[in-house]
């Protein structure tokens, strides 16, 4: 799904009310902000927006289909696989889970010294999440969280980019962590980036990720209407 995940609670937006995976280009985001943010810091938002649209781009295409050279948008977003995973896995990095920073697989591996990676891999692979598998792998980060400590962890393998759903995968991992490590994983910190109390409460209560996804439906339907008004390129 090109856009997915919870929207931030009212008043908790980091900048604007959009889901974690918004499915918009930079130009489309600019149009949305200009349309909806009439006032910024108490002053009317006045801006002349000019967007140079892309040619020969299909919204359904991933970056590899463009023929352009990959340039890392961040030191730890090194590959297209990492960029695909990031919306779901990035939410974990504020908690006591290493997301692979300080290893050769940032965001493609998660771990902690206390993690039962065998149980987690078994539970997550039983879910048959689309386009992804999990392999127990030990790593020792050289920096960041758990630096120089051996961590039990999971290698996240995307085997079908076209069906992989990063937010579904991320919430499923959070559900599995809560189920297997209710005391070790500090779930309350998860909301620092999630910004959605209803989702956090459901995870804390042990609700299955499929039930949690239902909490987002109404907000996502409303966002879809907002989103359509600023699209510069057709939906596939």
C-alpha atoms as a PDB file:
ATOM      1  CA  UNK A   1       0.000   0.000   0.000  1.00  0.00           C
ATOM      2  CA  UNK A   2       1.475   3.342  -0.998  1.00  0.00           C
ATOM      3  CA  UNK A   3       0.137   5.059   2.138  1.00  0.00           C
ATOM      4  CA  UNK A   4      -0.438   3.318   5.425  1.00  0.00           C
ATOM      5  CA  UNK A   5      -0.138   3.497   9.174  1.00  0.00           C
ATOM      6  CA  UNK A   6      -1.642   5.583  11.955  1.00  0.00           C
ATOM      7  CA  UNK A   7      -1.992   9.345  11.780  1.00  0.00           C
ATOM      8  CA  UNK A   8      -0.614  11.307  14.745  1.00  0.00           C
ATOM      9  CA  UNK A   9      -3.008  12.290  17.509  1.00  0.00           C
ATOM     10  CA  UNK A  10      -4.330  15.837  17.258  1.00  0.00           C
ATOM     11  CA  UNK A  11      -1.808  18.264  18.666  1.00  0.00           C
ATOM     12  CA  UNK A  12       1.018  15.696  18.517  1.00  0.00           C
ATOM     13  CA  UNK A  13       1.963  16.179  14.866  1.00  0.00           C
ATOM     14  CA  UNK A  14       5.674  16.650  14.285  1.00  0.00           C
ATOM     15  CA  UNK A  15       4.777  18.957  11.415  1.00  0.00           C
ATOM     16  CA  UNK A  16       1.546  17.891   9.733  1.00  0.00           C
ATOM     17  CA  UNK A  17      -1.228  15.318   9.986  1.00  0.00           C
ATOM     18  CA  UNK A  18      -0.085  12.594   7.605  1.00  0.00           C
ATOM     19  CA  UNK A  19       0.330   8.828   8.105  1.00  0.00           C
ATOM     20  CA  UNK A  20       3.765   7.364   8.676  1.00  0.00           C
ATOM     21  CA  UNK A  21       3.875   6.167   5.067  1.00  0.00           C
ATOM     22  CA  UNK A  22       2.218   8.961   3.084  1.00  0.00           C
ATOM     23  CA  UNK A  23       2.926   7.913  -0.512  1.00  0.00           C
ATOM     24  CA  UNK A  24       3.490  11.470  -1.745  1.00  0.00           C
ATOM     25  CA  UNK A  25       6.337  13.075  -3.659  1.00  0.00           C
ATOM     26  CA  UNK A  26       8.071  16.157  -2.238  1.00  0.00           C
ATOM     27  CA  UNK A  27       6.080  18.362  -4.626  1.00  0.00           C
ATOM     28  CA  UNK A  28       2.798  16.769  -3.585  1.00  0.00           C
ATOM     29  CA  UNK A  29       3.631  17.206   0.097  1.00  0.00           C
ATOM     30  CA  UNK A  30       4.361  20.867  -0.580  1.00  0.00           C
ATOM     31  CA  UNK A  31       0.948  21.230  -2.246  1.00  0.00           C
ATOM     32  CA  UNK A  32      -0.764  19.556   0.720  1.00  0.00           C
ATOM     33  CA  UNK A  33       0.978  21.785   3.243  1.00  0.00           C
ATOM     34  CA  UNK A  34       0.158  24.926   1.270  1.00  0.00           C
ATOM     35  CA  UNK A  35      -3.475  23.845   0.912  1.00  0.00           C
ATOM     36  CA  UNK A  36      -4.012  22.873   4.540  1.00  0.00           C
ATOM     37  CA  UNK A  37      -1.628  25.026   6.565  1.00  0.00           C
ATOM     38  CA  UNK A  38      -3.345  28.395   6.229  1.00  0.00           C
ATOM     39  CA  UNK A  39      -1.553  29.742   9.303  1.00  0.00           C
ATOM     40  CA  UNK A  40       1.967  29.023  10.549  1.00  0.00           C
ATOM     41  CA  UNK A  41       3.192  30.334  13.908  1.00  0.00           C
ATOM     42  CA  UNK A  42       0.181  32.656  14.077  1.00  0.00           C
ATOM     43  CA  UNK A  43       0.834  34.232  10.684  1.00  0.00           C
ATOM     44  CA  UNK A  44      -0.923  33.629   7.359  1.00  0.00           C
ATOM     45  CA  UNK A  45       1.007  31.209   5.170  1.00  0.00           C
ATOM     46  CA  UNK A  46       1.883  33.080   1.983  1.00  0.00           C
ATOM     47  CA  UNK A  47       3.912  31.174  -0.551  1.00  0.00           C
ATOM     48  CA  UNK A  48       4.205  30.997  -4.313  1.00  0.00           C
ATOM     49  CA  UNK A  49       4.702  27.355  -5.129  1.00  0.00           C
ATOM     50  CA  UNK A  50       6.178  26.221  -8.424  1.00  0.00           C
ATOM     51  CA  UNK A  51       6.691  22.507  -8.988  1.00  0.00           C
ATOM     52  CA  UNK A  52       8.685  21.056 -11.866  1.00  0.00           C
ATOM     53  CA  UNK A  53       7.045  17.700 -12.503  1.00  0.00           C
ATOM     54  CA  UNK A  54       8.932  14.576 -13.487  1.00  0.00           C
ATOM     55  CA  UNK A  55       8.614  12.979 -16.892  1.00  0.00           C
ATOM     56  CA  UNK A  56       8.205   9.277 -17.648  1.00  0.00           C
ATOM     57  CA  UNK A  57       7.702   8.339 -14.000  1.00  0.00           C
ATOM     58  CA  UNK A  58       5.173   5.732 -12.915  1.00  0.00           C
ATOM     59  CA  UNK A  59       3.976   6.034  -9.311  1.00  0.00           C
ATOM     60  CA  UNK A  60       4.071   2.252  -8.931  1.00  0.00           C
ATOM     61  CA  UNK A  61       7.775   2.090  -9.824  1.00  0.00           C
ATOM     62  CA  UNK A  62      10.421   1.649  -7.175  1.00  0.00           C
ATOM     63  CA  UNK A  63      13.702   3.512  -7.517  1.00  0.00           C
ATOM     64  CA  UNK A  64      15.448   0.679  -9.365  1.00  0.00           C
ATOM     65  CA  UNK A  65      13.029   1.159 -12.295  1.00  0.00           C
ATOM     66  CA  UNK A  66      14.157   4.769 -12.868  1.00  0.00           C
ATOM     67  CA  UNK A  67      17.595   3.953 -14.217  1.00  0.00           C
ATOM     68  CA  UNK A  68      19.072   6.605 -11.929  1.00  0.00           C
ATOM     69  CA  UNK A  69      22.040   6.135  -9.629  1.00  0.00           C
ATOM     70  CA  UNK A  70      21.173   5.443  -6.004  1.00  0.00           C
ATOM     71  CA  UNK A  71      22.385   8.121  -3.589  1.00  0.00           C
ATOM     72  CA  UNK A  72      22.071   7.418   0.150  1.00  0.00           C
ATOM     73  CA  UNK A  73      19.620   9.917   1.679  1.00  0.00           C
ATOM     74  CA  UNK A  74      21.231   9.216   5.066  1.00  0.00           C
ATOM     75  CA  UNK A  75      24.412   7.404   6.195  1.00  0.00           C
ATOM     76  CA  UNK A  76      22.325   4.537   7.568  1.00  0.00           C
ATOM     77  CA  UNK A  77      19.853   4.357   4.658  1.00  0.00           C
ATOM     78  CA  UNK A  78      22.340   2.699   2.363  1.00  0.00           C
ATOM     79  CA  UNK A  79      20.184   0.619   0.051  1.00  0.00           C
ATOM     80  CA  UNK A  80      16.744   0.557  -1.547  1.00  0.00           C
ATOM     81  CA  UNK A  81      15.891  -2.366   0.725  1.00  0.00           C
ATOM     82  CA  UNK A  82      16.684  -0.197   3.749  1.00  0.00           C
ATOM     83  CA  UNK A  83      14.512   2.627   2.401  1.00  0.00           C
ATOM     84  CA  UNK A  84      11.612   0.192   1.960  1.00  0.00           C
ATOM     85  CA  UNK A  85      11.955  -1.197   5.477  1.00  0.00           C
ATOM     86  CA  UNK A  86      12.507   2.110   7.253  1.00  0.00           C
ATOM     87  CA  UNK A  87       8.873   3.292   7.808  1.00  0.00           C
ATOM     88  CA  UNK A  88       8.122   0.190   9.882  1.00  0.00           C
ATOM     89  CA  UNK A  89      11.462  -0.469  11.564  1.00  0.00           C
ATOM     90  CA  UNK A  90      12.477   3.131  12.231  1.00  0.00           C
ATOM     91  CA  UNK A  91       9.766   3.402  14.885  1.00  0.00           C
ATOM     92  CA  UNK A  92      11.670   0.915  17.042  1.00  0.00           C
ATOM     93  CA  UNK A  93      14.916   2.873  17.312  1.00  0.00           C
ATOM     94  CA  UNK A  94      13.642   5.119  20.105  1.00  0.00           C
ATOM     95  CA  UNK A  95      13.042   2.005  22.250  1.00  0.00           C
ATOM     96  CA  UNK A  96      15.572  -0.402  23.781  1.00  0.00           C
ATOM     97  CA  UNK A  97      15.917  -2.326  20.501  1.00  0.00           C
ATOM     98  CA  UNK A  98      18.981  -1.940  18.314  1.00  0.00           C
ATOM     99  CA  UNK A  99      17.895  -1.319  14.713  1.00  0.00           C
ATOM    100  CA  UNK A 100      21.299  -2.293  13.384  1.00  0.00           C
ATOM    101  CA  UNK A 101      23.059   1.070  13.541  1.00  0.00           C
ATOM    102  CA  UNK A 102      26.692   0.191  14.169  1.00  0.00           C
ATOM    103  CA  UNK A 103      26.388  -3.017  12.128  1.00  0.00           C
ATOM    104  CA  UNK A 104      26.646  -3.664   8.401  1.00  0.00           C
ATOM    105  CA  UNK A 105      22.837  -3.978   8.185  1.00  0.00           C
ATOM    106  CA  UNK A 106      21.181  -0.841   9.622  1.00  0.00           C
ATOM    107  CA  UNK A 107      17.386  -1.211   9.639  1.00  0.00           C
ATOM    108  CA  UNK A 108      17.687  -4.649   8.017  1.00  0.00           C
ATOM    109  CA  UNK A 109      18.531  -6.202  11.379  1.00  0.00           C
ATOM    110  CA  UNK A 110      17.121  -5.669  14.871  1.00  0.00           C
ATOM    111  CA  UNK A 111      18.388  -7.078  18.137  1.00  0.00           C
ATOM    112  CA  UNK A 112      19.089  -6.838  21.858  1.00  0.00           C
ATOM    113  CA  UNK A 113      21.071  -8.917  24.387  1.00  0.00           C
ATOM    114  CA  UNK A 114      17.829 -10.061  26.024  1.00  0.00           C
ATOM    115  CA  UNK A 115      16.001 -10.942  22.788  1.00  0.00           C
ATOM    116  CA  UNK A 116      14.848 -14.526  22.182  1.00  0.00           C
ATOM    117  CA  UNK A 117      15.480 -14.340  18.455  1.00  0.00           C
ATOM    118  CA  UNK A 118      14.582 -17.984  17.833  1.00  0.00           C
ATOM    119  CA  UNK A 119      11.079 -17.568  19.243  1.00  0.00           C
ATOM    120  CA  UNK A 120      10.601 -14.228  17.511  1.00  0.00           C
ATOM    121  CA  UNK A 121      11.649 -15.583  14.122  1.00  0.00           C
ATOM    122  CA  UNK A 122       9.353 -18.588  14.499  1.00  0.00           C
ATOM    123  CA  UNK A 123       6.368 -16.460  15.546  1.00  0.00           C
ATOM    124  CA  UNK A 124       6.853 -13.844  12.819  1.00  0.00           C
ATOM    125  CA  UNK A 125       7.455 -16.369  10.046  1.00  0.00           C
ATOM    126  CA  UNK A 126       4.238 -18.141  11.077  1.00  0.00           C
ATOM    127  CA  UNK A 127       2.355 -14.921  10.231  1.00  0.00           C
ATOM    128  CA  UNK A 128       3.206 -15.248   6.517  1.00  0.00           C
ATOM    129  CA  UNK A 129       3.663 -11.509   6.187  1.00  0.00           C
ATOM    130  CA  UNK A 130       3.806 -10.536   2.516  1.00  0.00           C
ATOM    131  CA  UNK A 131       7.233 -10.370   0.909  1.00  0.00           C
ATOM    132  CA  UNK A 132       9.361 -10.780   4.028  1.00  0.00           C
ATOM    133  CA  UNK A 133      11.081 -13.459   6.117  1.00  0.00           C
ATOM    134  CA  UNK A 134      13.019 -13.398   9.385  1.00  0.00           C
ATOM    135  CA  UNK A 135      16.266 -15.214  10.191  1.00  0.00           C
ATOM    136  CA  UNK A 136      17.857 -15.392  13.681  1.00  0.00           C
ATOM    137  CA  UNK A 137      21.309 -13.757  13.467  1.00  0.00           C
ATOM    138  CA  UNK A 138      23.652 -12.584  16.253  1.00  0.00           C
ATOM    139  CA  UNK A 139      25.409  -9.236  15.793  1.00  0.00           C
ATOM    140  CA  UNK A 140      27.643  -7.004  17.884  1.00  0.00           C
ATOM    141  CA  UNK A 141      27.069  -3.319  17.073  1.00  0.00           C
ATOM    142  CA  UNK A 142      30.271  -1.252  17.153  1.00  0.00           C
ATOM    143  CA  UNK A 143      28.397   1.953  18.004  1.00  0.00           C
ATOM    144  CA  UNK A 144      25.036   3.314  19.117  1.00  0.00           C
ATOM    145  CA  UNK A 145      22.733   1.209  21.319  1.00  0.00           C
ATOM    146  CA  UNK A 146      24.387  -1.934  22.757  1.00  0.00           C
ATOM    147  CA  UNK A 147      27.777  -0.945  21.356  1.00  0.00           C
ATOM    148  CA  UNK A 148      30.300  -3.812  21.713  1.00  0.00           C
ATOM    149  CA  UNK A 149      27.640  -6.090  23.233  1.00  0.00           C
ATOM    150  CA  UNK A 150      26.622  -9.348  21.590  1.00  0.00           C
ATOM    151  CA  UNK A 151      22.956  -9.146  20.602  1.00  0.00           C
ATOM    152  CA  UNK A 152      20.506 -11.820  19.607  1.00  0.00           C
ATOM    153  CA  UNK A 153      18.656 -10.491  16.616  1.00  0.00           C
ATOM    154  CA  UNK A 154      16.653 -10.932  13.450  1.00  0.00           C
ATOM    155  CA  UNK A 155      17.800 -10.411   9.894  1.00  0.00           C
ATOM    156  CA  UNK A 156      14.855  -8.988   7.918  1.00  0.00           C
ATOM    157  CA  UNK A 157      14.856 -10.380   4.397  1.00  0.00           C
ATOM    158  CA  UNK A 158      12.590  -8.837   1.769  1.00  0.00           C
ATOM    159  CA  UNK A 159      12.037 -11.426  -0.933  1.00  0.00           C
ATOM    160  CA  UNK A 160       9.270  -9.615  -2.844  1.00  0.00           C
ATOM    161  CA  UNK A 161       9.466  -5.829  -3.060  1.00  0.00           C
ATOM    162  CA  UNK A 162       6.123  -5.622  -4.854  1.00  0.00           C
ATOM    163  CA  UNK A 163       4.115  -7.162  -2.009  1.00  0.00           C
ATOM    164  CA  UNK A 164       6.155  -6.108   1.047  1.00  0.00           C
ATOM    165  CA  UNK A 165       4.237  -3.853   3.463  1.00  0.00           C
ATOM    166  CA  UNK A 166       6.602  -1.967   5.798  1.00  0.00           C
ATOM    167  CA  UNK A 167       4.015  -0.700   8.288  1.00  0.00           C
ATOM    168  CA  UNK A 168       2.253  -4.062   8.584  1.00  0.00           C
ATOM    169  CA  UNK A 169       5.665  -5.648   9.152  1.00  0.00           C
ATOM    170  CA  UNK A 170       6.692  -3.036  11.716  1.00  0.00           C
ATOM    171  CA  UNK A 171       3.491  -3.363  13.738  1.00  0.00           C
ATOM    172  CA  UNK A 172       3.708  -7.172  13.540  1.00  0.00           C
ATOM    173  CA  UNK A 173       7.241  -7.011  14.965  1.00  0.00           C
ATOM    174  CA  UNK A 174       6.017  -4.724  17.771  1.00  0.00           C
ATOM    175  CA  UNK A 175       3.175  -7.168  18.500  1.00  0.00           C
ATOM    176  CA  UNK A 176       5.624 -10.098  18.578  1.00  0.00           C
ATOM    177  CA  UNK A 177       8.020  -8.238  20.870  1.00  0.00           C
ATOM    178  CA  UNK A 178       5.194  -7.431  23.272  1.00  0.00           C
ATOM    179  CA  UNK A 179       3.998 -11.042  23.205  1.00  0.00           C
ATOM    180  CA  UNK A 180       7.384 -12.664  23.832  1.00  0.00           C
ATOM    181  CA  UNK A 181       9.084  -9.908  25.864  1.00  0.00           C
ATOM    182  CA  UNK A 182       6.337  -8.116  27.839  1.00  0.00           C
ATOM    183  CA  UNK A 183       8.827  -7.054  30.528  1.00  0.00           C
ATOM    184  CA  UNK A 184      12.077  -6.622  28.593  1.00  0.00           C
ATOM    185  CA  UNK A 185      10.857  -4.452  25.720  1.00  0.00           C
ATOM    186  CA  UNK A 186      10.122  -0.897  26.897  1.00  0.00           C
ATOM    187  CA  UNK A 187       6.963  -0.413  24.854  1.00  0.00           C
ATOM    188  CA  UNK A 188       6.025   2.980  26.292  1.00  0.00           C
ATOM    189  CA  UNK A 189       8.881   4.599  24.335  1.00  0.00           C
ATOM    190  CA  UNK A 190       7.416   3.304  21.067  1.00  0.00           C
ATOM    191  CA  UNK A 191       4.925   6.163  21.002  1.00  0.00           C
ATOM    192  CA  UNK A 192       7.669   8.804  20.847  1.00  0.00           C
ATOM    193  CA  UNK A 193       7.633   8.392  17.042  1.00  0.00           C
ATOM    194  CA  UNK A 194       4.324   6.559  16.583  1.00  0.00           C
ATOM    195  CA  UNK A 195       2.374   9.459  18.155  1.00  0.00           C
ATOM    196  CA  UNK A 196      -0.866   7.493  18.319  1.00  0.00           C
ATOM    197  CA  UNK A 197      -2.120   6.549  21.791  1.00  0.00           C
ATOM    198  CA  UNK A 198      -4.832   4.182  20.552  1.00  0.00           C
ATOM    199  CA  UNK A 199      -2.284   2.095  18.655  1.00  0.00           C
ATOM    200  CA  UNK A 200       0.084   2.037  21.629  1.00  0.00           C
ATOM    201  CA  UNK A 201      -2.745   1.042  23.975  1.00  0.00           C
ATOM    202  CA  UNK A 202      -3.775  -1.810  21.674  1.00  0.00           C
ATOM    203  CA  UNK A 203      -0.192  -3.083  21.432  1.00  0.00           C
ATOM    204  CA  UNK A 204       0.219  -2.823  25.193  1.00  0.00           C
ATOM    205  CA  UNK A 205      -2.967  -4.852  25.673  1.00  0.00           C
ATOM    206  CA  UNK A 206      -1.611  -7.571  23.370  1.00  0.00           C
ATOM    207  CA  UNK A 207      -4.043  -6.999  20.498  1.00  0.00           C
ATOM    208  CA  UNK A 208      -3.097  -8.755  17.263  1.00  0.00           C
ATOM    209  CA  UNK A 209      -1.626  -6.487  14.591  1.00  0.00           C
ATOM    210  CA  UNK A 210      -4.542  -7.278  12.248  1.00  0.00           C
ATOM    211  CA  UNK A 211      -6.913  -5.812  14.848  1.00  0.00           C
ATOM    212  CA  UNK A 212      -4.637  -2.819  15.344  1.00  0.00           C
ATOM    213  CA  UNK A 213      -4.697  -2.020  11.624  1.00  0.00           C
ATOM    214  CA  UNK A 214      -8.468  -1.609  11.821  1.00  0.00           C
ATOM    215  CA  UNK A 215      -7.968   1.377  14.144  1.00  0.00           C
ATOM    216  CA  UNK A 216      -6.479   3.334  11.233  1.00  0.00           C
ATOM    217  CA  UNK A 217      -9.170   2.746   8.605  1.00  0.00           C
ATOM    218  CA  UNK A 218     -11.297   5.842   9.155  1.00  0.00           C
ATOM    219  CA  UNK A 219      -8.307   8.182   9.349  1.00  0.00           C
ATOM    220  CA  UNK A 220      -6.724   6.633   6.259  1.00  0.00           C
ATOM    221  CA  UNK A 221      -9.971   6.940   4.313  1.00  0.00           C
ATOM    222  CA  UNK A 222     -10.113  10.635   5.188  1.00  0.00           C
ATOM    223  CA  UNK A 223      -6.448  11.058   4.283  1.00  0.00           C
ATOM    224  CA  UNK A 224      -7.052   9.393   0.914  1.00  0.00           C
ATOM    225  CA  UNK A 225      -9.567  12.133   0.068  1.00  0.00           C
ATOM    226  CA  UNK A 226      -7.098  14.814   1.124  1.00  0.00           C
ATOM    227  CA  UNK A 227      -4.309  13.103  -0.772  1.00  0.00           C
ATOM    228  CA  UNK A 228      -6.220  12.871  -4.050  1.00  0.00           C
ATOM    229  CA  UNK A 229      -6.538  16.645  -4.199  1.00  0.00           C
ATOM    230  CA  UNK A 230      -2.765  17.137  -4.497  1.00  0.00           C
ATOM    231  CA  UNK A 231      -1.619  14.215  -6.659  1.00  0.00           C
ATOM    232  CA  UNK A 232       0.555  15.299  -9.574  1.00  0.00           C
ATOM    233  CA  UNK A 233       0.905  11.809 -11.007  1.00  0.00           C
ATOM    234  CA  UNK A 234      -1.822   9.200 -11.518  1.00  0.00           C
ATOM    235  CA  UNK A 235      -2.288   6.283  -9.202  1.00  0.00           C
ATOM    236  CA  UNK A 236      -1.290   2.948 -10.783  1.00  0.00           C
END
